mmCIF file of all heavy atoms, coordinates in Angstrom:
data_MODEL
# 
_entry.id   MODEL 
# 
loop_
_atom_site.group_PDB 
_atom_site.id 
_atom_site.type_symbol 
_atom_site.label_atom_id 
_atom_site.label_alt_id 
_atom_site.label_comp_id 
_atom_site.label_asym_id 
_atom_site.label_entity_id 
_atom_site.label_seq_id 
_atom_site.pdbx_PDB_ins_code 
_atom_site.Cartn_x 
_atom_site.Cartn_y 
_atom_site.Cartn_z 
_atom_site.occupancy 
_atom_site.B_iso_or_equiv 
_atom_site.pdbx_formal_charge 
_atom_site.auth_seq_id 
_atom_site.auth_comp_id 
_atom_site.auth_asym_id 
_atom_site.auth_atom_id 
_atom_site.pdbx_PDB_model_num 
ATOM 1   N N   . PRO A 1 1  ? 0.830  -1.205 0.000  1.00 0.00 ? 1  PRO A N   1 
ATOM 2   C CA  . PRO A 1 1  ? 0.000  0.000  0.000  1.00 0.00 ? 1  PRO A CA  1 
ATOM 3   C C   . PRO A 1 1  ? 0.869  1.261  0.000  1.00 0.00 ? 1  PRO A C   1 
ATOM 4   O O   . PRO A 1 1  ? 1.900  1.310  0.647  1.00 0.00 ? 1  PRO A O   1 
ATOM 5   C CB  . PRO A 1 1  ? -0.836 -0.106 1.268  1.00 0.00 ? 1  PRO A CB  1 
ATOM 6   C CG  . PRO A 1 1  ? -0.065 -1.034 2.154  1.00 0.00 ? 1  PRO A CG  1 
ATOM 7   C CD  . PRO A 1 1  ? 0.658  -1.995 1.249  1.00 0.00 ? 1  PRO A CD  1 
ATOM 8   N N   . SER A 1 2  ? 0.432  2.210  -0.779 1.00 0.00 ? 2  SER A N   1 
ATOM 9   C CA  . SER A 1 2  ? 1.221  3.466  -0.873 1.00 0.00 ? 2  SER A CA  1 
ATOM 10  C C   . SER A 1 2  ? 1.055  4.309  0.388  1.00 0.00 ? 2  SER A C   1 
ATOM 11  O O   . SER A 1 2  ? -0.036 4.373  0.949  1.00 0.00 ? 2  SER A O   1 
ATOM 12  C CB  . SER A 1 2  ? 0.770  4.268  -2.097 1.00 0.00 ? 2  SER A CB  1 
ATOM 13  O OG  . SER A 1 2  ? -0.606 4.597  -1.988 1.00 0.00 ? 2  SER A OG  1 
ATOM 14  N N   . GLN A 1 3  ? 2.129  4.889  0.787  1.00 0.00 ? 3  GLN A N   1 
ATOM 15  C CA  . GLN A 1 3  ? 2.114  5.745  1.981  1.00 0.00 ? 3  GLN A CA  1 
ATOM 16  C C   . GLN A 1 3  ? 1.691  7.183  1.574  1.00 0.00 ? 3  GLN A C   1 
ATOM 17  O O   . GLN A 1 3  ? 2.189  7.722  0.588  1.00 0.00 ? 3  GLN A O   1 
ATOM 18  C CB  . GLN A 1 3  ? 3.508  5.786  2.616  1.00 0.00 ? 3  GLN A CB  1 
ATOM 19  C CG  . GLN A 1 3  ? 3.984  4.421  3.097  1.00 0.00 ? 3  GLN A CG  1 
ATOM 20  C CD  . GLN A 1 3  ? 3.144  3.928  4.262  1.00 0.00 ? 3  GLN A CD  1 
ATOM 21  O OE1 . GLN A 1 3  ? 2.658  4.716  5.056  1.00 0.00 ? 3  GLN A OE1 1 
ATOM 22  N NE2 . GLN A 1 3  ? 2.960  2.613  4.347  1.00 0.00 ? 3  GLN A NE2 1 
ATOM 23  N N   . PRO A 1 4  ? 0.790  7.761  2.318  1.00 0.00 ? 4  PRO A N   1 
ATOM 24  C CA  . PRO A 1 4  ? 0.386  9.140  2.000  1.00 0.00 ? 4  PRO A CA  1 
ATOM 25  C C   . PRO A 1 4  ? 1.558  10.091 2.183  1.00 0.00 ? 4  PRO A C   1 
ATOM 26  O O   . PRO A 1 4  ? 2.330  9.958  3.124  1.00 0.00 ? 4  PRO A O   1 
ATOM 27  C CB  . PRO A 1 4  ? -0.734 9.444  2.977  1.00 0.00 ? 4  PRO A CB  1 
ATOM 28  C CG  . PRO A 1 4  ? -0.531 8.498  4.108  1.00 0.00 ? 4  PRO A CG  1 
ATOM 29  C CD  . PRO A 1 4  ? 0.077  7.239  3.512  1.00 0.00 ? 4  PRO A CD  1 
ATOM 30  N N   . GLN A 1 5  ? 1.712  10.954 1.225  1.00 0.00 ? 5  GLN A N   1 
ATOM 31  C CA  . GLN A 1 5  ? 2.810  11.913 1.301  1.00 0.00 ? 5  GLN A CA  1 
ATOM 32  C C   . GLN A 1 5  ? 2.496  13.017 2.332  1.00 0.00 ? 5  GLN A C   1 
ATOM 33  O O   . GLN A 1 5  ? 1.417  13.584 2.343  1.00 0.00 ? 5  GLN A O   1 
ATOM 34  C CB  . GLN A 1 5  ? 3.043  12.568 -0.073 1.00 0.00 ? 5  GLN A CB  1 
ATOM 35  C CG  . GLN A 1 5  ? 3.520  11.573 -1.120 1.00 0.00 ? 5  GLN A CG  1 
ATOM 36  C CD  . GLN A 1 5  ? 3.793  12.259 -2.445 1.00 0.00 ? 5  GLN A CD  1 
ATOM 37  O OE1 . GLN A 1 5  ? 3.521  13.440 -2.600 1.00 0.00 ? 5  GLN A OE1 1 
ATOM 38  N NE2 . GLN A 1 5  ? 4.338  11.497 -3.386 1.00 0.00 ? 5  GLN A NE2 1 
ATOM 39  N N   . GLN A 1 6  ? 3.457  13.240 3.222  1.00 0.00 ? 6  GLN A N   1 
ATOM 40  C CA  . GLN A 1 6  ? 3.279  14.272 4.264  1.00 0.00 ? 6  GLN A CA  1 
ATOM 41  C C   . GLN A 1 6  ? 3.596  15.670 3.689  1.00 0.00 ? 6  GLN A C   1 
ATOM 42  O O   . GLN A 1 6  ? 4.592  15.844 2.981  1.00 0.00 ? 6  GLN A O   1 
ATOM 43  C CB  . GLN A 1 6  ? 4.205  13.990 5.441  1.00 0.00 ? 6  GLN A CB  1 
ATOM 44  C CG  . GLN A 1 6  ? 3.835  12.697 6.175  1.00 0.00 ? 6  GLN A CG  1 
ATOM 45  C CD  . GLN A 1 6  ? 4.729  12.496 7.386  1.00 0.00 ? 6  GLN A CD  1 
ATOM 46  O OE1 . GLN A 1 6  ? 5.715  13.201 7.534  1.00 0.00 ? 6  GLN A OE1 1 
ATOM 47  N NE2 . GLN A 1 6  ? 4.390  11.527 8.223  1.00 0.00 ? 6  GLN A NE2 1 
ATOM 48  N N   . GLN A 1 7  ? 2.687  16.594 3.943  1.00 0.00 ? 7  GLN A N   1 
ATOM 49  C CA  . GLN A 1 7  ? 2.874  17.980 3.490  1.00 0.00 ? 7  GLN A CA  1 
ATOM 50  C C   . GLN A 1 7  ? 3.827  18.707 4.438  1.00 0.00 ? 7  GLN A C   1 
ATOM 51  O O   . GLN A 1 7  ? 3.681  18.637 5.657  1.00 0.00 ? 7  GLN A O   1 
ATOM 52  C CB  . GLN A 1 7  ? 1.533  18.735 3.459  1.00 0.00 ? 7  GLN A CB  1 
ATOM 53  C CG  . GLN A 1 7  ? 0.523  18.119 2.492  1.00 0.00 ? 7  GLN A CG  1 
ATOM 54  C CD  . GLN A 1 7  ? 0.986  18.241 1.063  1.00 0.00 ? 7  GLN A CD  1 
ATOM 55  O OE1 . GLN A 1 7  ? 1.661  19.208 0.706  1.00 0.00 ? 7  GLN A OE1 1 
ATOM 56  N NE2 . GLN A 1 7  ? 0.664  17.263 0.232  1.00 0.00 ? 7  GLN A NE2 1 
ATOM 57  N N   . PRO A 1 8  ? 4.814  19.365 3.917  1.00 0.00 ? 8  PRO A N   1 
ATOM 58  C CA  . PRO A 1 8  ? 5.759  20.064 4.796  1.00 0.00 ? 8  PRO A CA  1 
ATOM 59  C C   . PRO A 1 8  ? 5.083  21.262 5.472  1.00 0.00 ? 8  PRO A C   1 
ATOM 60  O O   . PRO A 1 8  ? 4.298  21.970 4.852  1.00 0.00 ? 8  PRO A O   1 
ATOM 61  C CB  . PRO A 1 8  ? 6.852  20.527 3.831  1.00 0.00 ? 8  PRO A CB  1 
ATOM 62  C CG  . PRO A 1 8  ? 6.175  20.604 2.501  1.00 0.00 ? 8  PRO A CG  1 
ATOM 63  C CD  . PRO A 1 8  ? 5.139  19.520 2.492  1.00 0.00 ? 8  PRO A CD  1 
ATOM 64  N N   . TYR A 1 9  ? 5.336  21.463 6.769  1.00 0.00 ? 9  TYR A N   1 
ATOM 65  C CA  . TYR A 1 9  ? 4.792  22.595 7.515  1.00 0.00 ? 9  TYR A CA  1 
ATOM 66  C C   . TYR A 1 9  ? 5.706  23.812 7.345  1.00 0.00 ? 9  TYR A C   1 
ATOM 67  O O   . TYR A 1 9  ? 6.938  23.669 7.350  1.00 0.00 ? 9  TYR A O   1 
ATOM 68  C CB  . TYR A 1 9  ? 4.650  22.279 9.008  1.00 0.00 ? 9  TYR A CB  1 
ATOM 69  C CG  . TYR A 1 9  ? 3.599  21.216 9.272  1.00 0.00 ? 9  TYR A CG  1 
ATOM 70  C CD1 . TYR A 1 9  ? 3.951  19.882 9.429  1.00 0.00 ? 9  TYR A CD1 1 
ATOM 71  C CD2 . TYR A 1 9  ? 2.241  21.585 9.349  1.00 0.00 ? 9  TYR A CD2 1 
ATOM 72  C CE1 . TYR A 1 9  ? 2.984  18.912 9.672  1.00 0.00 ? 9  TYR A CE1 1 
ATOM 73  C CE2 . TYR A 1 9  ? 1.270  20.613 9.592  1.00 0.00 ? 9  TYR A CE2 1 
ATOM 74  C CZ  . TYR A 1 9  ? 1.641  19.280 9.752  1.00 0.00 ? 9  TYR A CZ  1 
ATOM 75  O OH  . TYR A 1 9  ? 0.691  18.330 9.971  1.00 0.00 ? 9  TYR A OH  1 
ATOM 76  N N   . PRO A 1 10 ? 5.097  25.011 7.208  1.00 0.00 ? 10 PRO A N   1 
ATOM 77  C CA  . PRO A 1 10 ? 5.949  26.206 7.069  1.00 0.00 ? 10 PRO A CA  1 
ATOM 78  C C   . PRO A 1 10 ? 6.753  26.457 8.342  1.00 0.00 ? 10 PRO A C   1 
ATOM 79  O O   . PRO A 1 10 ? 6.272  26.195 9.449  1.00 0.00 ? 10 PRO A O   1 
ATOM 80  C CB  . PRO A 1 10 ? 4.942  27.337 6.806  1.00 0.00 ? 10 PRO A CB  1 
ATOM 81  C CG  . PRO A 1 10 ? 3.649  26.852 7.376  1.00 0.00 ? 10 PRO A CG  1 
ATOM 82  C CD  . PRO A 1 10 ? 3.649  25.343 7.189  1.00 0.00 ? 10 PRO A CD  1 
ATOM 83  N N   . ALA A 1 11 ? 7.928  26.906 8.127  1.00 0.00 ? 11 ALA A N   1 
ATOM 84  C CA  . ALA A 1 11 ? 8.785  27.191 9.277  1.00 0.00 ? 11 ALA A CA  1 
ATOM 85  C C   . ALA A 1 11 ? 8.202  28.356 10.083 1.00 0.00 ? 11 ALA A C   1 
ATOM 86  O O   . ALA A 1 11 ? 7.687  29.313 9.519  1.00 0.00 ? 11 ALA A O   1 
ATOM 87  C CB  . ALA A 1 11 ? 10.193 27.549 8.807  1.00 0.00 ? 11 ALA A CB  1 
ATOM 88  N N   . PRO A 1 12 ? 8.220  28.290 11.395 1.00 0.00 ? 12 PRO A N   1 
ATOM 89  C CA  . PRO A 1 12 ? 7.669  29.371 12.230 1.00 0.00 ? 12 PRO A CA  1 
ATOM 90  C C   . PRO A 1 12 ? 8.423  30.673 12.008 1.00 0.00 ? 12 PRO A C   1 
ATOM 91  O O   . PRO A 1 12 ? 9.648  30.690 11.920 1.00 0.00 ? 12 PRO A O   1 
ATOM 92  C CB  . PRO A 1 12 ? 7.844  28.850 13.657 1.00 0.00 ? 12 PRO A CB  1 
ATOM 93  C CG  . PRO A 1 12 ? 8.930  27.838 13.577 1.00 0.00 ? 12 PRO A CG  1 
ATOM 94  C CD  . PRO A 1 12 ? 8.813  27.200 12.216 1.00 0.00 ? 12 PRO A CD  1 
ATOM 95  N N   . GLN A 1 13 ? 7.645  31.763 11.882 1.00 0.00 ? 13 GLN A N   1 
ATOM 96  C CA  . GLN A 1 13 ? 8.237  33.082 11.674 1.00 0.00 ? 13 GLN A CA  1 
ATOM 97  C C   . GLN A 1 13 ? 8.589  33.701 13.035 1.00 0.00 ? 13 GLN A C   1 
ATOM 98  O O   . GLN A 1 13 ? 7.851  33.568 14.013 1.00 0.00 ? 13 GLN A O   1 
ATOM 99  C CB  . GLN A 1 13 ? 7.243  34.005 10.947 1.00 0.00 ? 13 GLN A CB  1 
ATOM 100 C CG  . GLN A 1 13 ? 6.878  33.528 9.560  1.00 0.00 ? 13 GLN A CG  1 
ATOM 101 C CD  . GLN A 1 13 ? 8.070  33.578 8.629  1.00 0.00 ? 13 GLN A CD  1 
ATOM 102 O OE1 . GLN A 1 13 ? 8.916  34.464 8.744  1.00 0.00 ? 13 GLN A OE1 1 
ATOM 103 N NE2 . GLN A 1 13 ? 8.158  32.612 7.716  1.00 0.00 ? 13 GLN A NE2 1 
ATOM 104 N N   . PRO A 1 14 ? 9.713  34.387 13.109 1.00 0.00 ? 14 PRO A N   1 
ATOM 105 C CA  . PRO A 1 14 ? 10.076 35.023 14.383 1.00 0.00 ? 14 PRO A CA  1 
ATOM 106 C C   . PRO A 1 14 ? 9.090  36.150 14.726 1.00 0.00 ? 14 PRO A C   1 
ATOM 107 O O   . PRO A 1 14 ? 8.578  36.822 13.851 1.00 0.00 ? 14 PRO A O   1 
ATOM 108 C CB  . PRO A 1 14 ? 11.476 35.580 14.102 1.00 0.00 ? 14 PRO A CB  1 
ATOM 109 C CG  . PRO A 1 14 ? 11.549 35.728 12.618 1.00 0.00 ? 14 PRO A CG  1 
ATOM 110 C CD  . PRO A 1 14 ? 10.711 34.610 12.056 1.00 0.00 ? 14 PRO A CD  1 
ATOM 111 N N   . ALA A 1 15 ? 8.791  36.269 16.020 1.00 0.00 ? 15 ALA A N   1 
ATOM 112 C CA  . ALA A 1 15 ? 7.848  37.314 16.476 1.00 0.00 ? 15 ALA A CA  1 
ATOM 113 C C   . ALA A 1 15 ? 8.390  38.697 16.140 1.00 0.00 ? 15 ALA A C   1 
ATOM 114 O O   . ALA A 1 15 ? 9.597  38.946 16.215 1.00 0.00 ? 15 ALA A O   1 
ATOM 115 C CB  . ALA A 1 15 ? 7.626  37.193 17.982 1.00 0.00 ? 15 ALA A CB  1 
ATOM 116 N N   . GLU A 1 16 ? 7.459  39.575 15.746 1.00 0.00 ? 16 GLU A N   1 
ATOM 117 C CA  . GLU A 1 16 ? 7.854  40.930 15.365 1.00 0.00 ? 16 GLU A CA  1 
ATOM 118 C C   . GLU A 1 16 ? 8.369  41.689 16.594 1.00 0.00 ? 16 GLU A C   1 
ATOM 119 O O   . GLU A 1 16 ? 7.722  41.715 17.645 1.00 0.00 ? 16 GLU A O   1 
ATOM 120 C CB  . GLU A 1 16 ? 6.656  41.685 14.775 1.00 0.00 ? 16 GLU A CB  1 
ATOM 121 C CG  . GLU A 1 16 ? 6.998  43.085 14.317 1.00 0.00 ? 16 GLU A CG  1 
ATOM 122 C CD  . GLU A 1 16 ? 5.783  43.799 13.753 1.00 0.00 ? 16 GLU A CD  1 
ATOM 123 O OE1 . GLU A 1 16 ? 4.698  43.205 13.748 1.00 0.00 ? 16 GLU A OE1 1 
ATOM 124 O OE2 . GLU A 1 16 ? 5.940  44.963 13.332 1.00 0.00 ? 16 GLU A OE2 1 
ATOM 125 N N   . GLN A 1 17 ? 9.523  42.264 16.496 1.00 0.00 ? 17 GLN A N   1 
ATOM 126 C CA  . GLN A 1 17 ? 10.124 43.021 17.589 1.00 0.00 ? 17 GLN A CA  1 
ATOM 127 C C   . GLN A 1 17 ? 9.645  44.480 17.515 1.00 0.00 ? 17 GLN A C   1 
ATOM 128 O O   . GLN A 1 17 ? 9.848  45.144 16.504 1.00 0.00 ? 17 GLN A O   1 
ATOM 129 C CB  . GLN A 1 17 ? 11.649 42.962 17.485 1.00 0.00 ? 17 GLN A CB  1 
ATOM 130 C CG  . GLN A 1 17 ? 12.220 41.557 17.648 1.00 0.00 ? 17 GLN A CG  1 
ATOM 131 C CD  . GLN A 1 17 ? 11.984 41.001 19.040 1.00 0.00 ? 17 GLN A CD  1 
ATOM 132 O OE1 . GLN A 1 17 ? 12.012 41.754 20.020 1.00 0.00 ? 17 GLN A OE1 1 
ATOM 133 N NE2 . GLN A 1 17 ? 11.728 39.713 19.133 1.00 0.00 ? 17 GLN A NE2 1 
ATOM 134 N N   . LYS A 1 18 ? 8.997  44.941 18.577 1.00 0.00 ? 18 LYS A N   1 
ATOM 135 C CA  . LYS A 1 18 ? 8.521  46.317 18.614 1.00 0.00 ? 18 LYS A CA  1 
ATOM 136 C C   . LYS A 1 18 ? 9.594  47.221 19.197 1.00 0.00 ? 18 LYS A C   1 
ATOM 137 O O   . LYS A 1 18 ? 10.248 46.878 20.178 1.00 0.00 ? 18 LYS A O   1 
ATOM 138 C CB  . LYS A 1 18 ? 7.242  46.422 19.447 1.00 0.00 ? 18 LYS A CB  1 
ATOM 139 C CG  . LYS A 1 18 ? 6.063  45.705 18.813 1.00 0.00 ? 18 LYS A CG  1 
ATOM 140 C CD  . LYS A 1 18 ? 4.791  45.949 19.581 1.00 0.00 ? 18 LYS A CD  1 
ATOM 141 C CE  . LYS A 1 18 ? 3.601  45.286 18.897 1.00 0.00 ? 18 LYS A CE  1 
ATOM 142 N NZ  . LYS A 1 18 ? 2.339  45.548 19.618 1.00 0.00 ? 18 LYS A NZ  1 
ATOM 143 N N   . THR A 1 19 ? 9.773  48.338 18.575 1.00 0.00 ? 19 THR A N   1 
ATOM 144 C CA  . THR A 1 19 ? 10.796 49.281 19.009 1.00 0.00 ? 19 THR A CA  1 
ATOM 145 C C   . THR A 1 19 ? 10.182 50.421 19.820 1.00 0.00 ? 19 THR A C   1 
ATOM 146 O O   . THR A 1 19 ? 8.955  50.515 19.955 1.00 0.00 ? 19 THR A O   1 
ATOM 147 C CB  . THR A 1 19 ? 11.517 49.877 17.778 1.00 0.00 ? 19 THR A CB  1 
ATOM 148 O OG1 . THR A 1 19 ? 10.555 50.549 16.952 1.00 0.00 ? 19 THR A OG1 1 
ATOM 149 C CG2 . THR A 1 19 ? 12.200 48.791 16.982 1.00 0.00 ? 19 THR A CG2 1 
ATOM 150 N N   . GLY A 1 20 ? 11.044 51.250 20.371 1.00 0.00 ? 20 GLY A N   1 
ATOM 151 C CA  . GLY A 1 20 ? 10.568 52.367 21.180 1.00 0.00 ? 20 GLY A CA  1 
ATOM 152 C C   . GLY A 1 20 ? 9.714  53.339 20.379 1.00 0.00 ? 20 GLY A C   1 
ATOM 153 O O   . GLY A 1 20 ? 9.797  53.415 19.159 1.00 0.00 ? 20 GLY A O   1 
ATOM 154 N N   . ASN A 1 21 ? 8.892  54.102 21.098 1.00 0.00 ? 21 ASN A N   1 
ATOM 155 C CA  . ASN A 1 21 ? 7.957  55.026 20.467 1.00 0.00 ? 21 ASN A CA  1 
ATOM 156 C C   . ASN A 1 21 ? 8.323  56.461 20.875 1.00 0.00 ? 21 ASN A C   1 
ATOM 157 O O   . ASN A 1 21 ? 7.945  56.958 21.941 1.00 0.00 ? 21 ASN A O   1 
ATOM 158 C CB  . ASN A 1 21 ? 6.527  54.701 20.904 1.00 0.00 ? 21 ASN A CB  1 
ATOM 159 C CG  . ASN A 1 21 ? 5.488  55.348 20.001 1.00 0.00 ? 21 ASN A CG  1 
ATOM 160 O OD1 . ASN A 1 21 ? 5.749  56.377 19.407 1.00 0.00 ? 21 ASN A OD1 1 
ATOM 161 N ND2 . ASN A 1 21 ? 4.332  54.725 19.889 1.00 0.00 ? 21 ASN A ND2 1 
ATOM 162 N N   . GLY A 1 22 ? 9.097  57.115 20.007 1.00 0.00 ? 22 GLY A N   1 
ATOM 163 C CA  . GLY A 1 22 ? 9.550  58.470 20.319 1.00 0.00 ? 22 GLY A CA  1 
ATOM 164 C C   . GLY A 1 22 ? 8.412  59.466 20.448 1.00 0.00 ? 22 GLY A C   1 
ATOM 165 O O   . GLY A 1 22 ? 8.422  60.336 21.342 1.00 0.00 ? 22 GLY A O   1 
ATOM 166 N N   . LEU A 1 23 ? 7.416  59.359 19.572 1.00 0.00 ? 23 LEU A N   1 
ATOM 167 C CA  . LEU A 1 23 ? 6.278  60.277 19.653 1.00 0.00 ? 23 LEU A CA  1 
ATOM 168 C C   . LEU A 1 23 ? 5.492  60.080 20.945 1.00 0.00 ? 23 LEU A C   1 
ATOM 169 O O   . LEU A 1 23 ? 4.992  61.043 21.544 1.00 0.00 ? 23 LEU A O   1 
ATOM 170 C CB  . LEU A 1 23 ? 5.356  60.075 18.445 1.00 0.00 ? 23 LEU A CB  1 
ATOM 171 C CG  . LEU A 1 23 ? 5.771  60.753 17.133 1.00 0.00 ? 23 LEU A CG  1 
ATOM 172 C CD1 . LEU A 1 23 ? 4.738  60.475 16.051 1.00 0.00 ? 23 LEU A CD1 1 
ATOM 173 C CD2 . LEU A 1 23 ? 5.940  62.250 17.326 1.00 0.00 ? 23 LEU A CD2 1 
ATOM 174 N N   . GLY A 1 24 ? 5.406  58.817 21.360 1.00 0.00 ? 24 GLY A N   1 
ATOM 175 C CA  . GLY A 1 24 ? 4.707  58.527 22.616 1.00 0.00 ? 24 GLY A CA  1 
ATOM 176 C C   . GLY A 1 24 ? 5.419  59.152 23.802 1.00 0.00 ? 24 GLY A C   1 
ATOM 177 O O   . GLY A 1 24 ? 4.776  59.728 24.694 1.00 0.00 ? 24 GLY A O   1 
ATOM 178 N N   . VAL A 1 25 ? 6.742  59.066 23.806 1.00 0.00 ? 25 VAL A N   1 
ATOM 179 C CA  . VAL A 1 25 ? 7.523  59.682 24.885 1.00 0.00 ? 25 VAL A CA  1 
ATOM 180 C C   . VAL A 1 25 ? 7.358  61.202 24.852 1.00 0.00 ? 25 VAL A C   1 
ATOM 181 O O   . VAL A 1 25 ? 7.197  61.848 25.891 1.00 0.00 ? 25 VAL A O   1 
ATOM 182 C CB  . VAL A 1 25 ? 9.009  59.296 24.766 1.00 0.00 ? 25 VAL A CB  1 
ATOM 183 C CG1 . VAL A 1 25 ? 9.833  60.060 25.792 1.00 0.00 ? 25 VAL A CG1 1 
ATOM 184 C CG2 . VAL A 1 25 ? 9.187  57.797 24.934 1.00 0.00 ? 25 VAL A CG2 1 
# 
């Protein structure tokens, strides 16, 4: 019996790094 082909999962994306807010300060 043929084995079902496994679909590759997308690599996890790194979380977006938030920078300081000069206007807020």
